[in-house]
Each structure stands twice: as structure tokens, then as C-alpha cells.
Amino acid sequence: MLHDFIILTKILGIPLIDTEDFIEMVLRFVFNSTVVLIIVRYLYFPITKRKDYLFTYLSFSVIIFFLCHLLANVKLGLGFALGLFAIFGIIRYRTNPIPIKEMTYLFIIIGISVINALANKKVSYAELITTNFLIIAVTYLLEKKYFVKAESRKIILYEKIDLIIPGKREELIADLKERTGLNIHRAEIGRINFLRDTARVRIYYYENSDEPDNNDG
């Protein structure tokens, strides 16, 4: 049976294995997975505790990497990479809203996977490693709030629906601050239940500690 398979591959013009390319693919995959794991597991997850997005990012990384790497020989190049971003941009607006931070991480993961998969021999390993290191470093600095304030969010059930109208936004923020004791700087109105006179409100506030955003359901 193995002999027949070998004969079939020769007929189709497909080599059974290209050792050099196979080893390169494995090494690139290990390198890419390591970089993605550092960003997702040690930068994103400790703060948000969102296991659903953890699974999504790792799965996206694997699929995007192999998709780009195995199709790299088709000479699709930059147009193919930009097409991927366009596709996921469409998905962003055709599915349930994804928080801006999570969407940013998704684009980071896609970008890293595309870079590591499509970088050709004109890109040295030093350049590839440096690029990945800089992405990790910048993400770390921003996530650790060296340049931005620590913003957290929660979804609460709010019963004063007379304050949710646009003209009373300042009164709404003031009431939420007084009730929660949080430094709330903005709020978004979600689902409104007029039968019970309640509304789901997503509040955004600054804090010093890294409280997980596990209430953003």
C-alpha cells in the first residue's frame, strides 16, 4: 500500500516529503506559537481572565499560520495578507460586537501569524525575531499601563431609566459614581426592559488594581 502511495505521489508530481521545507515549517510554527502564547497567556489572560477569547486567539493563530504558510508558494503575497484583514474586518461588523481591546488583540495575533508564516528568505531570522520581540514589548508596555490609565469595565442592571436618555448623560455618570464608588468616566446603554424599568449599562472606570473583566458577558 505504501508502494502504491509513493507511485501515486510521483504521478501527481507531489513529493512525499521535502525535509528542508518541513523542518522550516515546524520551527516557524514553534516560534510563532511561543510568541502568541506569551502575548495571550501572560499579557492578556492574567488581566481579563477571559478563557473564551484565550481559546479563540490560540485557534486563530494556528489556522492563520498554516493557511498562510501552505499557500505561500501560490505567490499571493501582500494582497493575500491584506485580504485576511479585510475578511476579519467584515466579520467584526457581521457578528456580535467584540470589545475594542479583544479585537485589537485579535489583529495582533493575526498579524504575528501572517508575518511569521509569510516572511521569505529576504527577511533574516534576526529581523523576524526582532519584529516579534518589539510587538511583545510594545504590547507589554501598553498593557502594564505605563502610557495609559488602567481601564476596567462592568455590566450592571440599572433601574433609573429616566437618566439613560442622551440629555442626562452627566447625571447618569454622577449617579453611577455615587452608587458604585468607582471612578466612572463613560457608560454605554445596552438592552432596555420597559416592562421592568431596567436597562443593562456597561460602565468604564479607572482603577489602580488589575481587576478581571469577567463581568463583561
Foldseek 3Di string as FASTA:
>chain_A
DVVVVCVVCVVVVHHPDDVVLVVLLVVLLVVLLVLQCCCLVVQPCVQAVDVVLSVVLSVLLVVLLCVLQVCLVVVCPPVVLVVVVVVVVVVCVVDPHDDPVSVVSSVLSNVLSNCSRNPDPVQDPVNNVVVSVVSSVVSNCVSVQPPHFDKAKAKDKAQQLVQVDPVNQVVVQVVVCVVPVFAWDHKDWDDADPVRNITIIMTMGTDDDRHHRPRPD
